[in-house]
Amino acid sequence: MKLTISGKTYVNDKTKDGKPLETKDGRPYKKISFKVKEEVLGTVGKYINGFYRDEMEHWDDGTEIEVEVVQNGEYLNFELPKKVVSRAEFDLLLNRVKVLEDRVLTDTQEDIPIYEEEG
């Protein structure tokens, strides 16, 4: 869903008691929280939370974003939409893998062809 950030975004790498945020396997991470202008899952003005990524650095008041929001107990969490790979993109990647496999298996020194993406 398309949403518009309302106000300041907050990025944290620590819990409320000051401990670093870590995944179950001990890797550090950051989370981002913000409010949006639109009604989300029947509420307005509630913070939406999710994992922070570098591309979110410029998310601020008025930024339009595309996210999927889910209710998690009393919290609203978001995820970025999954990228769908088209059949043409898949075929291009498959061809590139085949060329690389052929080169490795035959151990030739000929040039590897470069496939251009179609716009």
PDB file of N, CA and C in Angstrom:
ATOM      1  N   MET A   1       0.824  -1.170   0.000  1.00  0.00           N
ATOM      2  CA  MET A   1       0.000   0.000   0.000  1.00  0.00           C
ATOM      3  C   MET A   1       0.876   1.244   0.000  1.00  0.00           C
ATOM      4  N   LYS A   2       0.394   2.275  -0.672  1.00  0.00           N
ATOM      5  CA  LYS A   2       1.118   3.543  -0.705  1.00  0.00           C
ATOM      6  C   LYS A   2       0.742   4.355   0.527  1.00  0.00           C
ATOM      7  N   LEU A   3       1.754   4.836   1.237  1.00  0.00           N
ATOM      8  CA  LEU A   3       1.551   5.631   2.440  1.00  0.00           C
ATOM      9  C   LEU A   3       2.459   6.852   2.397  1.00  0.00           C
ATOM     10  N   THR A   4       2.099   7.875   3.164  1.00  0.00           N
ATOM     11  CA  THR A   4       2.892   9.093   3.258  1.00  0.00           C
ATOM     12  C   THR A   4       3.333   9.289   4.698  1.00  0.00           C
ATOM     13  N   ILE A   5       4.637   9.374   4.917  1.00  0.00           N
ATOM     14  CA  ILE A   5       5.169   9.552   6.262  1.00  0.00           C
ATOM     15  C   ILE A   5       4.740  10.917   6.793  1.00  0.00           C
ATOM     16  N   SER A   6       4.312  10.924   8.045  1.00  0.00           N
ATOM     17  CA  SER A   6       3.847  12.139   8.699  1.00  0.00           C
ATOM     18  C   SER A   6       4.731  12.423   9.903  1.00  0.00           C
ATOM     19  N   GLY A   7       5.562  13.452   9.819  1.00  0.00           N
ATOM     20  CA  GLY A   7       6.436  13.801  10.938  1.00  0.00           C
ATOM     21  C   GLY A   7       7.793  13.133  10.847  1.00  0.00           C
ATOM     22  N   LYS A   8       8.462  13.089  11.958  1.00  0.00           N
ATOM     23  CA  LYS A   8       9.831  12.581  12.050  1.00  0.00           C
ATOM     24  C   LYS A   8       9.862  11.052  12.028  1.00  0.00           C
ATOM     25  N   THR A   9      10.934  10.510  11.443  1.00  0.00           N
ATOM     26  CA  THR A   9      11.184   9.074  11.528  1.00  0.00           C
ATOM     27  C   THR A   9      12.248   8.846  12.603  1.00  0.00           C
ATOM     28  N   TYR A  10      12.146   7.714  13.271  1.00  0.00           N
ATOM     29  CA  TYR A  10      13.080   7.382  14.341  1.00  0.00           C
ATOM     30  C   TYR A  10      13.801   6.088  13.984  1.00  0.00           C
ATOM     31  N   VAL A  11      15.138   6.140  14.024  1.00  0.00           N
ATOM     32  CA  VAL A  11      15.955   4.963  13.756  1.00  0.00           C
ATOM     33  C   VAL A  11      16.695   4.625  15.043  1.00  0.00           C
ATOM     34  N   ASN A  12      16.562   3.374  15.477  1.00  0.00           N
ATOM     35  CA  ASN A  12      17.192   2.934  16.724  1.00  0.00           C
ATOM     36  C   ASN A  12      17.991   1.661  16.502  1.00  0.00           C
ATOM     37  N   ASP A  13      19.116   1.569  17.216  1.00  0.00           N
ATOM     38  CA  ASP A  13      19.885   0.324  17.207  1.00  0.00           C
ATOM     39  C   ASP A  13      20.017  -0.239  18.620  1.00  0.00           C
ATOM     40  N   LYS A  14      19.219   0.325  19.556  1.00  0.00           N
ATOM     41  CA  LYS A  14      19.247  -0.140  20.940  1.00  0.00           C
ATOM     42  C   LYS A  14      17.823  -0.337  21.452  1.00  0.00           C
ATOM     43  N   THR A  15      17.672  -1.197  22.444  1.00  0.00           N
ATOM     44  CA  THR A  15      16.389  -1.402  23.102  1.00  0.00           C
ATOM     45  C   THR A  15      16.123  -0.230  24.051  1.00  0.00           C
ATOM     46  N   LYS A  16      14.940  -0.204  24.640  1.00  0.00           N
ATOM     47  CA  LYS A  16      14.599   0.865  25.593  1.00  0.00           C
ATOM     48  C   LYS A  16      15.559   0.919  26.773  1.00  0.00           C
ATOM     49  N   ASP A  17      16.126  -0.234  27.151  1.00  0.00           N
ATOM     50  CA  ASP A  17      17.063  -0.246  28.285  1.00  0.00           C
ATOM     51  C   ASP A  17      18.528  -0.112  27.841  1.00  0.00           C
ATOM     52  N   GLY A  18      18.756   0.280  26.582  1.00  0.00           N
ATOM     53  CA  GLY A  18      20.106   0.603  26.118  1.00  0.00           C
ATOM     54  C   GLY A  18      20.929  -0.542  25.577  1.00  0.00           C
ATOM     55  N   LYS A  19      20.363  -1.736  25.492  1.00  0.00           N
ATOM     56  CA  LYS A  19      21.099  -2.879  24.944  1.00  0.00           C
ATOM     57  C   LYS A  19      21.033  -2.845  23.420  1.00  0.00           C
ATOM     58  N   PRO A  20      22.097  -3.279  22.736  1.00  0.00           N
ATOM     59  CA  PRO A  20      22.071  -3.296  21.274  1.00  0.00           C
ATOM     60  C   PRO A  20      21.004  -4.250  20.749  1.00  0.00           C
ATOM     61  N   LEU A  21      20.316  -3.846  19.679  1.00  0.00           N
ATOM     62  CA  LEU A  21      19.356  -4.736  19.029  1.00  0.00           C
ATOM     63  C   LEU A  21      20.131  -5.826  18.296  1.00  0.00           C
ATOM     64  N   GLU A  22      19.741  -7.072  18.502  1.00  0.00           N
ATOM     65  CA  GLU A  22      20.396  -8.203  17.851  1.00  0.00           C
ATOM     66  C   GLU A  22      19.361  -9.222  17.414  1.00  0.00           C
ATOM     67  N   THR A  23      19.639  -9.875  16.278  1.00  0.00           N
ATOM     68  CA  THR A  23      18.783 -10.963  15.828  1.00  0.00           C
ATOM     69  C   THR A  23      18.988 -12.159  16.755  1.00  0.00           C
ATOM     70  N   LYS A  24      18.180 -13.195  16.564  1.00  0.00           N
ATOM     71  CA  LYS A  24      18.303 -14.397  17.402  1.00  0.00           C
ATOM     72  C   LYS A  24      19.690 -15.025  17.318  1.00  0.00           C
ATOM     73  N   ASP A  25      20.344 -14.853  16.143  1.00  0.00           N
ATOM     74  CA  ASP A  25      21.683 -15.431  16.002  1.00  0.00           C
ATOM     75  C   ASP A  25      22.795 -14.417  16.282  1.00  0.00           C
ATOM     76  N   GLY A  26      22.448 -13.285  16.920  1.00  0.00           N
ATOM     77  CA  GLY A  26      23.456 -12.356  17.412  1.00  0.00           C
ATOM     78  C   GLY A  26      23.907 -11.255  16.468  1.00  0.00           C
ATOM     79  N   ARG A  27      23.287 -11.134  15.307  1.00  0.00           N
ATOM     80  CA  ARG A  27      23.681 -10.071  14.369  1.00  0.00           C
ATOM     81  C   ARG A  27      22.984  -8.757  14.746  1.00  0.00           C
ATOM     82  N   PRO A  28      23.722  -7.640  14.740  1.00  0.00           N
ATOM     83  CA  PRO A  28      23.111  -6.354  15.082  1.00  0.00           C
ATOM     84  C   PRO A  28      22.187  -5.874  13.966  1.00  0.00           C
ATOM     85  N   TYR A  29      21.160  -5.114  14.342  1.00  0.00           N
ATOM     86  CA  TYR A  29      20.268  -4.522  13.345  1.00  0.00           C
ATOM     87  C   TYR A  29      19.705  -3.221  13.883  1.00  0.00           C
ATOM     88  N   LYS A  30      19.066  -2.454  12.993  1.00  0.00           N
ATOM     89  CA  LYS A  30      18.398  -1.211  13.355  1.00  0.00           C
ATOM     90  C   LYS A  30      16.924  -1.343  13.004  1.00  0.00           C
ATOM     91  N   LYS A  31      16.093  -0.565  13.711  1.00  0.00           N
ATOM     92  CA  LYS A  31      14.682  -0.520  13.361  1.00  0.00           C
ATOM     93  C   LYS A  31      14.295   0.929  13.104  1.00  0.00           C
ATOM     94  N   ILE A  32      13.259   1.102  12.331  1.00  0.00           N
ATOM     95  CA  ILE A  32      12.765   2.432  11.999  1.00  0.00           C
ATOM     96  C   ILE A  32      11.291   2.503  12.393  1.00  0.00           C
ATOM     97  N   SER A  33      10.876   3.653  12.905  1.00  0.00           N
ATOM     98  CA  SER A  33       9.487   3.875  13.311  1.00  0.00           C
ATOM     99  C   SER A  33       9.020   5.211  12.760  1.00  0.00           C
ATOM    100  N   PHE A  34       7.756   5.263  12.369  1.00  0.00           N
ATOM    101  CA  PHE A  34       7.193   6.498  11.835  1.00  0.00           C
ATOM    102  C   PHE A  34       5.680   6.417  11.878  1.00  0.00           C
ATOM    103  N   LYS A  35       5.039   7.570  11.753  1.00  0.00           N
ATOM    104  CA  LYS A  35       3.594   7.637  11.600  1.00  0.00           C
ATOM    105  C   LYS A  35       3.304   7.989  10.150  1.00  0.00           C
ATOM    106  N   VAL A  36       2.080   7.694   9.710  1.00  0.00           N
ATOM    107  CA  VAL A  36       1.680   8.042   8.346  1.00  0.00           C
ATOM    108  C   VAL A  36       0.384   8.836   8.380  1.00  0.00           C
ATOM    109  N   LYS A  37       0.117   9.536   7.283  1.00  0.00           N
ATOM    110  CA  LYS A  37      -1.080  10.381   7.196  1.00  0.00           C
ATOM    111  C   LYS A  37      -2.352   9.555   7.020  1.00  0.00           C
ATOM    112  N   GLU A  38      -2.246   8.421   6.377  1.00  0.00           N
ATOM    113  CA  GLU A  38      -3.407   7.618   6.030  1.00  0.00           C
ATOM    114  C   GLU A  38      -3.843   6.713   7.185  1.00  0.00           C
ATOM    115  N   GLU A  39      -5.087   6.253   7.103  1.00  0.00           N
ATOM    116  CA  GLU A  39      -5.580   5.250   8.035  1.00  0.00           C
ATOM    117  C   GLU A  39      -4.988   3.904   7.628  1.00  0.00           C
ATOM    118  N   VAL A  40      -4.481   3.173   8.619  1.00  0.00           N
ATOM    119  CA  VAL A  40      -3.862   1.870   8.353  1.00  0.00           C
ATOM    120  C   VAL A  40      -4.477   0.848   9.296  1.00  0.00           C
ATOM    121  N   LEU A  41      -5.080  -0.182   8.729  1.00  0.00           N
ATOM    122  CA  LEU A  41      -5.704  -1.259   9.497  1.00  0.00           C
ATOM    123  C   LEU A  41      -6.633  -0.705  10.577  1.00  0.00           C
ATOM    124  N   GLY A  42      -7.395   0.308  10.197  1.00  0.00           N
ATOM    125  CA  GLY A  42      -8.400   0.860  11.093  1.00  0.00           C
ATOM    126  C   GLY A  42      -7.888   1.863  12.111  1.00  0.00           C
ATOM    127  N   THR A  43      -6.608   2.231  12.045  1.00  0.00           N
ATOM    128  CA  THR A  43      -6.074   3.200  13.000  1.00  0.00           C
ATOM    129  C   THR A  43      -5.379   4.350  12.273  1.00  0.00           C
ATOM    130  N   VAL A  44      -5.351   5.489  12.940  1.00  0.00           N
ATOM    131  CA  VAL A  44      -4.652   6.674  12.430  1.00  0.00           C
ATOM    132  C   VAL A  44      -3.719   7.162  13.527  1.00  0.00           C
ATOM    133  N   GLY A  45      -2.515   7.556  13.158  1.00  0.00           N
ATOM    134  CA  GLY A  45      -1.600   8.151  14.124  1.00  0.00           C
ATOM    135  C   GLY A  45      -0.825   7.172  14.975  1.00  0.00           C
ATOM    136  N   LYS A  46      -0.847   5.911  14.628  1.00  0.00           N
ATOM    137  CA  LYS A  46      -0.098   4.905  15.382  1.00  0.00           C
ATOM    138  C   LYS A  46       1.247   4.681  14.689  1.00  0.00           C
ATOM    139  N   TYR A  47       2.293   4.449  15.468  1.00  0.00           N
ATOM    140  CA  TYR A  47       3.609   4.210  14.881  1.00  0.00           C
ATOM    141  C   TYR A  47       3.635   2.880  14.136  1.00  0.00           C
ATOM    142  N   ILE A  48       4.343   2.887  13.021  1.00  0.00           N
ATOM    143  CA  ILE A  48       4.577   1.687  12.213  1.00  0.00           C
ATOM    144  C   ILE A  48       6.067   1.401  12.305  1.00  0.00           C
ATOM    145  N   ASN A  49       6.431   0.152  12.548  1.00  0.00           N
ATOM    146  CA  ASN A  49       7.824  -0.230  12.794  1.00  0.00           C
ATOM    147  C   ASN A  49       8.291  -1.276  11.790  1.00  0.00           C
ATOM    148  N   GLY A  50       9.600  -1.288  11.562  1.00  0.00           N
ATOM    149  CA  GLY A  50      10.171  -2.314  10.694  1.00  0.00           C
ATOM    150  C   GLY A  50      11.682  -2.287  10.742  1.00  0.00           C
ATOM    151  N   PHE A  51      12.292  -3.232  10.041  1.00  0.00           N
ATOM    152  CA  PHE A  51      13.751  -3.286   9.955  1.00  0.00           C
ATOM    153  C   PHE A  51      14.247  -2.149   9.074  1.00  0.00           C
ATOM    154  N   TYR A  52      15.269  -1.456   9.539  1.00  0.00           N
ATOM    155  CA  TYR A  52      15.865  -0.338   8.806  1.00  0.00           C
ATOM    156  C   TYR A  52      16.837  -0.859   7.765  1.00  0.00           C
ATOM    157  N   ARG A  53      16.804  -0.232   6.592  1.00  0.00           N
ATOM    158  CA  ARG A  53      17.773  -0.507   5.521  1.00  0.00           C
ATOM    159  C   ARG A  53      18.338   0.826   5.058  1.00  0.00           C
ATOM    160  N   ASP A  54      19.528   0.798   4.495  1.00  0.00           N
ATOM    161  CA  ASP A  54      20.195   2.031   4.080  1.00  0.00           C
ATOM    162  C   ASP A  54      19.358   2.871   3.118  1.00  0.00           C
ATOM    163  N   GLU A  55      18.542   2.240   2.270  1.00  0.00           N
ATOM    164  CA  GLU A  55      17.736   3.005   1.317  1.00  0.00           C
ATOM    165  C   GLU A  55      16.643   3.821   2.001  1.00  0.00           C
ATOM    166  N   MET A  56      16.452   3.620   3.296  1.00  0.00           N
ATOM    167  CA  MET A  56      15.449   4.374   4.056  1.00  0.00           C
ATOM    168  C   MET A  56      16.037   5.640   4.687  1.00  0.00           C
ATOM    169  N   GLU A  57      17.301   5.909   4.423  1.00  0.00           N
ATOM    170  CA  GLU A  57      18.007   7.032   5.035  1.00  0.00           C
ATOM    171  C   GLU A  57      17.266   8.358   4.843  1.00  0.00           C
ATOM    172  N   HIS A  58      16.632   8.543   3.707  1.00  0.00           N
ATOM    173  CA  HIS A  58      15.972   9.814   3.410  1.00  0.00           C
ATOM    174  C   HIS A  58      14.470   9.778   3.647  1.00  0.00           C
ATOM    175  N   TRP A  59      13.974   8.757   4.312  1.00  0.00           N
ATOM    176  CA  TRP A  59      12.554   8.721   4.653  1.00  0.00           C
ATOM    177  C   TRP A  59      12.312   9.765   5.732  1.00  0.00           C
ATOM    178  N   ASP A  60      11.433  10.700   5.450  1.00  0.00           N
ATOM    179  CA  ASP A  60      11.124  11.763   6.397  1.00  0.00           C
ATOM    180  C   ASP A  60       9.729  12.276   6.120  1.00  0.00           C
ATOM    181  N   ASP A  61       9.321  13.326   6.788  1.00  0.00           N
ATOM    182  CA  ASP A  61       7.994  13.900   6.642  1.00  0.00           C
ATOM    183  C   ASP A  61       7.672  14.136   5.165  1.00  0.00           C
ATOM    184  N   GLY A  62       6.555  13.590   4.708  1.00  0.00           N
ATOM    185  CA  GLY A  62       6.102  13.780   3.337  1.00  0.00           C
ATOM    186  C   GLY A  62       6.586  12.741   2.343  1.00  0.00           C
ATOM    187  N   THR A  63       7.502  11.866   2.740  1.00  0.00           N
ATOM    188  CA  THR A  63       8.000  10.835   1.838  1.00  0.00           C
ATOM    189  C   THR A  63       6.899   9.818   1.564  1.00  0.00           C
ATOM    190  N   GLU A  64       6.634   9.557   0.277  1.00  0.00           N
ATOM    191  CA  GLU A  64       5.672   8.524  -0.099  1.00  0.00           C
ATOM    192  C   GLU A  64       6.409   7.199  -0.205  1.00  0.00           C
ATOM    193  N   ILE A  65       5.854   6.180   0.427  1.00  0.00           N
ATOM    194  CA  ILE A  65       6.502   4.874   0.455  1.00  0.00           C
ATOM    195  C   ILE A  65       5.507   3.793   0.046  1.00  0.00           C
ATOM    196  N   GLU A  66       6.031   2.669  -0.396  1.00  0.00           N
ATOM    197  CA  GLU A  66       5.229   1.496  -0.739  1.00  0.00           C
ATOM    198  C   GLU A  66       5.641   0.390   0.221  1.00  0.00           C
ATOM    199  N   VAL A  67       4.744   0.025   1.155  1.00  0.00           N
ATOM    200  CA  VAL A  67       5.031  -1.002   2.150  1.00  0.00           C
ATOM    201  C   VAL A  67       3.797  -1.860   2.370  1.00  0.00           C
ATOM    202  N   GLU A  68       4.007  -3.029   2.950  1.00  0.00           N
ATOM    203  CA  GLU A  68       2.920  -3.897   3.390  1.00  0.00           C
ATOM    204  C   GLU A  68       2.884  -3.819   4.914  1.00  0.00           C
ATOM    205  N   VAL A  69       1.733  -3.459   5.487  1.00  0.00           N
ATOM    206  CA  VAL A  69       1.602  -3.307   6.941  1.00  0.00           C
ATOM    207  C   VAL A  69       0.800  -4.475   7.498  1.00  0.00           C
ATOM    208  N   VAL A  70       1.285  -5.025   8.611  1.00  0.00           N
ATOM    209  CA  VAL A  70       0.587  -6.128   9.282  1.00  0.00           C
ATOM    210  C   VAL A  70       0.467  -5.816  10.767  1.00  0.00           C
ATOM    211  N   GLN A  71      -0.600  -6.306  11.367  1.00  0.00           N
ATOM    212  CA  GLN A  71      -0.820  -6.158  12.809  1.00  0.00           C
ATOM    213  C   GLN A  71      -0.034  -7.252  13.516  1.00  0.00           C
ATOM    214  N   ASN A  72       0.748  -6.881  14.520  1.00  0.00           N
ATOM    215  CA  ASN A  72       1.512  -7.838  15.310  1.00  0.00           C
ATOM    216  C   ASN A  72       1.195  -7.557  16.772  1.00  0.00           C
ATOM    217  N   GLY A  73       0.141  -8.173  17.273  1.00  0.00           N
ATOM    218  CA  GLY A  73      -0.327  -7.863  18.621  1.00  0.00           C
ATOM    219  C   GLY A  73      -0.828  -6.430  18.652  1.00  0.00           C
ATOM    220  N   GLU A  74      -0.270  -5.625  19.539  1.00  0.00           N
ATOM    221  CA  GLU A  74      -0.687  -4.228  19.612  1.00  0.00           C
ATOM    222  C   GLU A  74       0.100  -3.331  18.652  1.00  0.00           C
ATOM    223  N   TYR A  75       1.091  -3.885  17.963  1.00  0.00           N
ATOM    224  CA  TYR A  75       1.976  -3.103  17.099  1.00  0.00           C
ATOM    225  C   TYR A  75       1.612  -3.237  15.633  1.00  0.00           C
ATOM    226  N   LEU A  76       1.985  -2.210  14.861  1.00  0.00           N
ATOM    227  CA  LEU A  76       1.892  -2.267  13.402  1.00  0.00           C
ATOM    228  C   LEU A  76       3.308  -2.401  12.871  1.00  0.00           C
ATOM    229  N   ASN A  77       3.564  -3.431  12.088  1.00  0.00           N
ATOM    230  CA  ASN A  77       4.866  -3.642  11.477  1.00  0.00           C
ATOM    231  C   ASN A  77       4.735  -3.538   9.966  1.00  0.00           C
ATOM    232  N   PHE A  78       5.837  -3.177   9.310  1.00  0.00           N
ATOM    233  CA  PHE A  78       5.814  -3.090   7.855  1.00  0.00           C
ATOM    234  C   PHE A  78       6.916  -3.947   7.258  1.00  0.00           C
ATOM    235  N   GLU A  79       6.692  -4.312   6.019  1.00  0.00           N
ATOM    236  CA  GLU A  79       7.696  -4.991   5.206  1.00  0.00           C
ATOM    237  C   GLU A  79       7.697  -4.326   3.851  1.00  0.00           C
ATOM    238  N   LEU A  80       8.844  -4.315   3.203  1.00  0.00           N
ATOM    239  CA  LEU A  80       8.901  -3.815   1.834  1.00  0.00           C
ATOM    240  C   LEU A  80       8.284  -4.864   0.925  1.00  0.00           C
ATOM    241  N   PRO A  81       7.602  -4.435  -0.139  1.00  0.00           N
ATOM    242  CA  PRO A  81       6.990  -5.417  -1.040  1.00  0.00           C
ATOM    243  C   PRO A  81       8.055  -6.324  -1.667  1.00  0.00           C
ATOM    244  N   LYS A  82       7.671  -7.564  -1.875  1.00  0.00           N
ATOM    245  CA  LYS A  82       8.573  -8.512  -2.518  1.00  0.00           C
ATOM    246  C   LYS A  82       8.694  -8.155  -3.991  1.00  0.00           C
ATOM    247  N   LYS A  83       9.934  -8.211  -4.516  1.00  0.00           N
ATOM    248  CA  LYS A  83      10.144  -7.918  -5.929  1.00  0.00           C
ATOM    249  C   LYS A  83       9.796  -9.158  -6.738  1.00  0.00           C
ATOM    250  N   VAL A  84       8.952  -8.976  -7.717  1.00  0.00           N
ATOM    251  CA  VAL A  84       8.569 -10.067  -8.594  1.00  0.00           C
ATOM    252  C   VAL A  84       9.486 -10.022  -9.821  1.00  0.00           C
ATOM    253  N   VAL A  85      10.108 -11.139 -10.107  1.00  0.00           N
ATOM    254  CA  VAL A  85      11.003 -11.232 -11.254  1.00  0.00           C
ATOM    255  C   VAL A  85      10.188 -11.675 -12.458  1.00  0.00           C
ATOM    256  N   SER A  86      10.291 -10.909 -13.537  1.00  0.00           N
ATOM    257  CA  SER A  86       9.547 -11.256 -14.753  1.00  0.00           C
ATOM    258  C   SER A  86      10.178 -12.476 -15.421  1.00  0.00           C
ATOM    259  N   ARG A  87       9.432 -13.093 -16.306  1.00  0.00           N
ATOM    260  CA  ARG A  87       9.940 -14.259 -17.039  1.00  0.00           C
ATOM    261  C   ARG A  87      11.163 -13.877 -17.868  1.00  0.00           C
ATOM    262  N   ALA A  88      11.141 -12.669 -18.456  1.00  0.00           N
ATOM    263  CA  ALA A  88      12.272 -12.213 -19.264  1.00  0.00           C
ATOM    264  C   ALA A  88      13.526 -12.044 -18.404  1.00  0.00           C
ATOM    265  N   GLU A  89      13.368 -11.470 -17.193  1.00  0.00           N
ATOM    266  CA  GLU A  89      14.508 -11.316 -16.285  1.00  0.00           C
ATOM    267  C   GLU A  89      15.050 -12.678 -15.856  1.00  0.00           C
ATOM    268  N   PHE A  90      14.151 -13.599 -15.564  1.00  0.00           N
ATOM    269  CA  PHE A  90      14.562 -14.944 -15.164  1.00  0.00           C
ATOM    270  C   PHE A  90      15.321 -15.634 -16.293  1.00  0.00           C
ATOM    271  N   ASP A  91      14.792 -15.544 -17.512  1.00  0.00           N
ATOM    272  CA  ASP A  91      15.461 -16.173 -18.655  1.00  0.00           C
ATOM    273  C   ASP A  91      16.841 -15.581 -18.900  1.00  0.00           C
ATOM    274  N   LEU A  92      16.974 -14.250 -18.746  1.00  0.00           N
ATOM    275  CA  LEU A  92      18.267 -13.599 -18.916  1.00  0.00           C
ATOM    276  C   LEU A  92      19.266 -14.132 -17.897  1.00  0.00           C
ATOM    277  N   LEU A  93      18.850 -14.230 -16.634  1.00  0.00           N
ATOM    278  CA  LEU A  93      19.736 -14.754 -15.592  1.00  0.00           C
ATOM    279  C   LEU A  93      20.091 -16.222 -15.836  1.00  0.00           C
ATOM    280  N   LEU A  94      19.112 -17.001 -16.260  1.00  0.00           N
ATOM    281  CA  LEU A  94      19.353 -18.408 -16.555  1.00  0.00           C
ATOM    282  C   LEU A  94      20.391 -18.564 -17.664  1.00  0.00           C
ATOM    283  N   ASN A  95      20.272 -17.756 -18.707  1.00  0.00           N
ATOM    284  CA  ASN A  95      21.252 -17.801 -19.803  1.00  0.00           C
ATOM    285  C   ASN A  95      22.644 -17.409 -19.329  1.00  0.00           C
ATOM    286  N   ARG A  96      22.724 -16.409 -18.459  1.00  0.00           N
ATOM    287  CA  ARG A  96      24.025 -15.989 -17.948  1.00  0.00           C
ATOM    288  C   ARG A  96      24.664 -17.096 -17.119  1.00  0.00           C
ATOM    289  N   VAL A  97      23.875 -17.787 -16.306  1.00  0.00           N
ATOM    290  CA  VAL A  97      24.397 -18.892 -15.501  1.00  0.00           C
ATOM    291  C   VAL A  97      24.892 -20.014 -16.409  1.00  0.00           C
ATOM    292  N   LYS A  98      24.123 -20.322 -17.448  1.00  0.00           N
ATOM    293  CA  LYS A  98      24.533 -21.394 -18.370  1.00  0.00           C
ATOM    294  C   LYS A  98      25.866 -21.070 -19.030  1.00  0.00           C
ATOM    295  N   VAL A  99      26.053 -19.812 -19.461  1.00  0.00           N
ATOM    296  CA  VAL A  99      27.306 -19.405 -20.089  1.00  0.00           C
ATOM    297  C   VAL A  99      28.456 -19.572 -19.106  1.00  0.00           C
ATOM    298  N   LEU A 100      28.258 -19.135 -17.860  1.00  0.00           N
ATOM    299  CA  LEU A 100      29.314 -19.268 -16.850  1.00  0.00           C
ATOM    300  C   LEU A 100      29.614 -20.727 -16.540  1.00  0.00           C
ATOM    301  N   GLU A 101      28.574 -21.557 -16.431  1.00  0.00           N
ATOM    302  CA  GLU A 101      28.794 -22.986 -16.174  1.00  0.00           C
ATOM    303  C   GLU A 101      29.557 -23.629 -17.325  1.00  0.00           C
ATOM    304  N   ASP A 102      29.162 -23.312 -18.554  1.00  0.00           N
ATOM    305  CA  ASP A 102      29.860 -23.869 -19.711  1.00  0.00           C
ATOM    306  C   ASP A 102      31.332 -23.486 -19.700  1.00  0.00           C
ATOM    307  N   ARG A 103      31.600 -22.241 -19.365  1.00  0.00           N
ATOM    308  CA  ARG A 103      32.991 -21.768 -19.343  1.00  0.00           C
ATOM    309  C   ARG A 103      33.796 -22.506 -18.266  1.00  0.00           C
ATOM    310  N   VAL A 104      33.216 -22.663 -17.089  1.00  0.00           N
ATOM    311  CA  VAL A 104      33.933 -23.330 -15.999  1.00  0.00           C
ATOM    312  C   VAL A 104      34.129 -24.804 -16.319  1.00  0.00           C
ATOM    313  N   LEU A 105      33.088 -25.451 -16.828  1.00  0.00           N
ATOM    314  CA  LEU A 105      33.177 -26.889 -17.096  1.00  0.00           C
ATOM    315  C   LEU A 105      34.095 -27.212 -18.264  1.00  0.00           C
ATOM    316  N   THR A 106      34.151 -26.348 -19.255  1.00  0.00           N
ATOM    317  CA  THR A 106      35.015 -26.617 -20.413  1.00  0.00           C
ATOM    318  C   THR A 106      36.371 -25.967 -20.266  1.00  0.00           C
ATOM    319  N   ASP A 107      36.504 -25.037 -19.300  1.00  0.00           N
ATOM    320  CA  ASP A 107      37.756 -24.355 -19.009  1.00  0.00           C
ATOM    321  C   ASP A 107      38.377 -23.739 -20.254  1.00  0.00           C
ATOM    322  N   THR A 108      37.556 -23.084 -21.061  1.00  0.00           N
ATOM    323  CA  THR A 108      38.085 -22.412 -22.251  1.00  0.00           C
ATOM    324  C   THR A 108      38.482 -20.993 -21.901  1.00  0.00           C
ATOM    325  N   GLN A 109      39.261 -20.400 -22.769  1.00  0.00           N
ATOM    326  CA  GLN A 109      39.714 -19.035 -22.540  1.00  0.00           C
ATOM    327  C   GLN A 109      39.000 -18.039 -23.437  1.00  0.00           C
ATOM    328  N   GLU A 110      37.922 -18.456 -24.099  1.00  0.00           N
ATOM    329  CA  GLU A 110      37.204 -17.526 -24.971  1.00  0.00           C
ATOM    330  C   GLU A 110      36.439 -16.510 -24.134  1.00  0.00           C
ATOM    331  N   ASP A 111      36.141 -15.385 -24.741  1.00  0.00           N
ATOM    332  CA  ASP A 111      35.433 -14.314 -24.033  1.00  0.00           C
ATOM    333  C   ASP A 111      34.025 -14.735 -23.667  1.00  0.00           C
ATOM    334  N   ILE A 112      33.591 -14.283 -22.508  1.00  0.00           N
ATOM    335  CA  ILE A 112      32.222 -14.543 -22.057  1.00  0.00           C
ATOM    336  C   ILE A 112      31.329 -13.461 -22.662  1.00  0.00           C
ATOM    337  N   PRO A 113      30.245 -13.846 -23.365  1.00  0.00           N
ATOM    338  CA  PRO A 113      29.378 -12.829 -23.937  1.00  0.00           C
ATOM    339  C   PRO A 113      28.668 -12.038 -22.839  1.00  0.00           C
ATOM    340  N   ILE A 114      28.444 -10.774 -23.115  1.00  0.00           N
ATOM    341  CA  ILE A 114      27.757  -9.900 -22.174  1.00  0.00           C
ATOM    342  C   ILE A 114      26.349  -9.686 -22.685  1.00  0.00           C
ATOM    343  N   TYR A 115      25.351  -9.968 -21.825  1.00  0.00           N
ATOM    344  CA  TYR A 115      23.961  -9.791 -22.198  1.00  0.00           C
ATOM    345  C   TYR A 115      23.483  -8.449 -21.668  1.00  0.00           C
ATOM    346  N   GLU A 116      22.921  -7.648 -22.549  1.00  0.00           N
ATOM    347  CA  GLU A 116      22.387  -6.353 -22.150  1.00  0.00           C
ATOM    348  C   GLU A 116      20.945  -6.532 -21.718  1.00  0.00           C
ATOM    349  N   GLU A 117      20.564  -5.830 -20.649  1.00  0.00           N
ATOM    350  CA  GLU A 117      19.167  -5.858 -20.217  1.00  0.00           C
ATOM    351  C   GLU A 117      18.343  -5.045 -21.187  1.00  0.00           C
ATOM    352  N   GLU A 118      17.156  -5.563 -21.487  1.00  0.00           N
ATOM    353  CA  GLU A 118      16.247  -4.815 -22.343  1.00  0.00           C
ATOM    354  C   GLU A 118      15.438  -3.891 -21.488  1.00  0.00           C
ATOM    355  N   GLY A 119      15.280  -2.635 -21.917  1.00  0.00           N
ATOM    356  CA  GLY A 119      14.652  -1.608 -21.135  1.00  0.00           C
ATOM    357  C   GLY A 119      13.221  -1.704 -21.052  1.00  0.00           C
TER     358      GLY A 119
END
